[in-house]
Amino acid sequence: MPKNLFTVERDYEHEREQAVGILVANLGTPEAPTAKALRPYLGQFLWDPRVVEYSRPLWWLILNGIILRLRPKNSAKLYANVWTDEGSPLLTVSQGIADGIQQRLAERIGTPVHTVLGMTYGEPSMQRALAELKAANCRRVLVLPLYPHYSSSTVGSVFDAVAKELMTWRWVPELRTIHQYPDRPAFIEALANRVRAHWAEHGEPDRLVTSYHGIPKRYFLNGDPYHCQCHKTTRLLVEELGCDPDKVVVTFQSLFGREEWLKPYTEDTLHAMPGAGIKKVDVICPGFAADCLETIDEIDREYREVFEEAGGEEYRYIPCLNDDDDHIDLLTDLVTDNLGGWVGAAEQRDGVAVEADLQQTADLASALAARCPRADAGLGGSPKA
C-alpha cells in the first residue's frame, strides 16, 4: 500500500453535529524564562522568512552561529522580569481573551462554537489548536489574529502557520480570516476610554506617545501596509479624544538588527523630549492586544529609564486593552460580523430538526459501509455510525 500523504480520518461520526471553530492567534512565548526554553522559541521565531527577509543560507549561519549562541541568555533575563506566578503575561491574557470570546459567543449563537488559542511560535501551537478544533468537529474555522494592524511579519505569519498545518489534512475545513481592524470604531473607542480614564486619574501629560512595534523600512517600501494603518489608528484616536493633534506622537519600538526601521524610534523620541521642555509623557501601545515583554519591560521599564535619565519628570505607561470586557466585546462583535451565513442565533435553533438530519446522514453512511466492506482499503475507512 502507498504511504498516506494526508491525515487518516477513519472514525468520522456522521451523526455528530458539525461545529464552528474560532482560532484566536497570537505571536507566542517561551515555555519558561530560561535560556534553554528561549533557544528553540527564538530559533522558530527568527527563522520565519516573514520575520527576517534575508538570504536563507546567510541568515542560517548568522542565526545559528551567533544569535542563538548569545541572545537566549540575555532574553531569558528580560522574560524573568515580566514572568508571573501564572506564567507568561502574553499567554495568560491571550487565553483570557479566547475564553471571554467563547463565553459571549455561546450566549449569542445557536450553532455549536469552539474557541481555542494558537500561537505562531511555541505552545499552544497552531497544530495543537487546529487539532482541538478538528476533535470538536469544527468544519468551519475563522482565524482571528490578535493584531489590530496587518503586517506580513505578524498576521501573514499566522496564516502561513495555519496553511502549513492544513496542508497535511485530508478534509480541509472551510476557512475565513480576519486581517486587521485598525479603524474599527469600537477599537478606537476602547483605546480612547483607556486614555480618558487614565487622564481623569492622573491629569493630562505634555505629550501622548503612541508606540507601535517596528518593522524594517524595507518591508514598508515593498508594500507592507502596517505603517499607514498605525498612523490611521492614532489619527482616529486623536479625533475621538478631541485633543490637540500636536500633543500626540507616533513612534516605533523594538528594533532588531542594523538596518533602518520605521521612524521615529520610540527610544530616541523619549530621550530627546526632556531637552525640548517636554517633562511629562504618557505612552500607550495600540498595536499590542495584550501586555507582554515589549510593553511591560521595554516600554514600562527600559524606556522609562531613558526618559528619566534625560531629565524627564513624569513617565506613565497606559496598559493594553488586554482581557478587559470592552476589548473582548469588540473582538466578539468582530468575530460575529465575520460568521455571517455560518451560524444561527440561539433562539432560531431547532434541535429536533438538526438531530433528525444528522441521523439520516448517519443511516446513509451505514448503508454505504454495509455495501462496501472494503471501503477501509479504498476510501480511508468505514464511516462510524
Foldseek 3Di string as FASTA:
>chain_A
DDDDQADFDFAAALLDAAFAEEEEEEADDFQALALVRVLQQCVLLVLPCLQPVDDNVVVVCCCVVPCNVPPSHVSSVLQVVQADPVGFQVVVLSVLLQVLLQVVCVQWFQGHYYYDYAHLTDPPHLLVRVVVSVVVNHQEYEYHYQFQFAFCSTLVSVVVRNVVNQVRHPRRHHYHYDGHRLPPVLLLVLVLVLVVVVCVVVNDFQAEEAEEAKGAVVRVVVPTCRVVSQVVSQVSNCVVNVDDPVRYYYAHEDDDDDGHIDDDHPLVVLLCQVVVVRQAYEYEHSRGQTDGSCCVPVVVPVSVCSNVVSPHDYYHYRGHSGSDPSSSVVVSVVVVVVCPPPTDTSVPDDVVVSSVVSVVSSVVLVVVCVVCVPCCVVPSYRYHD
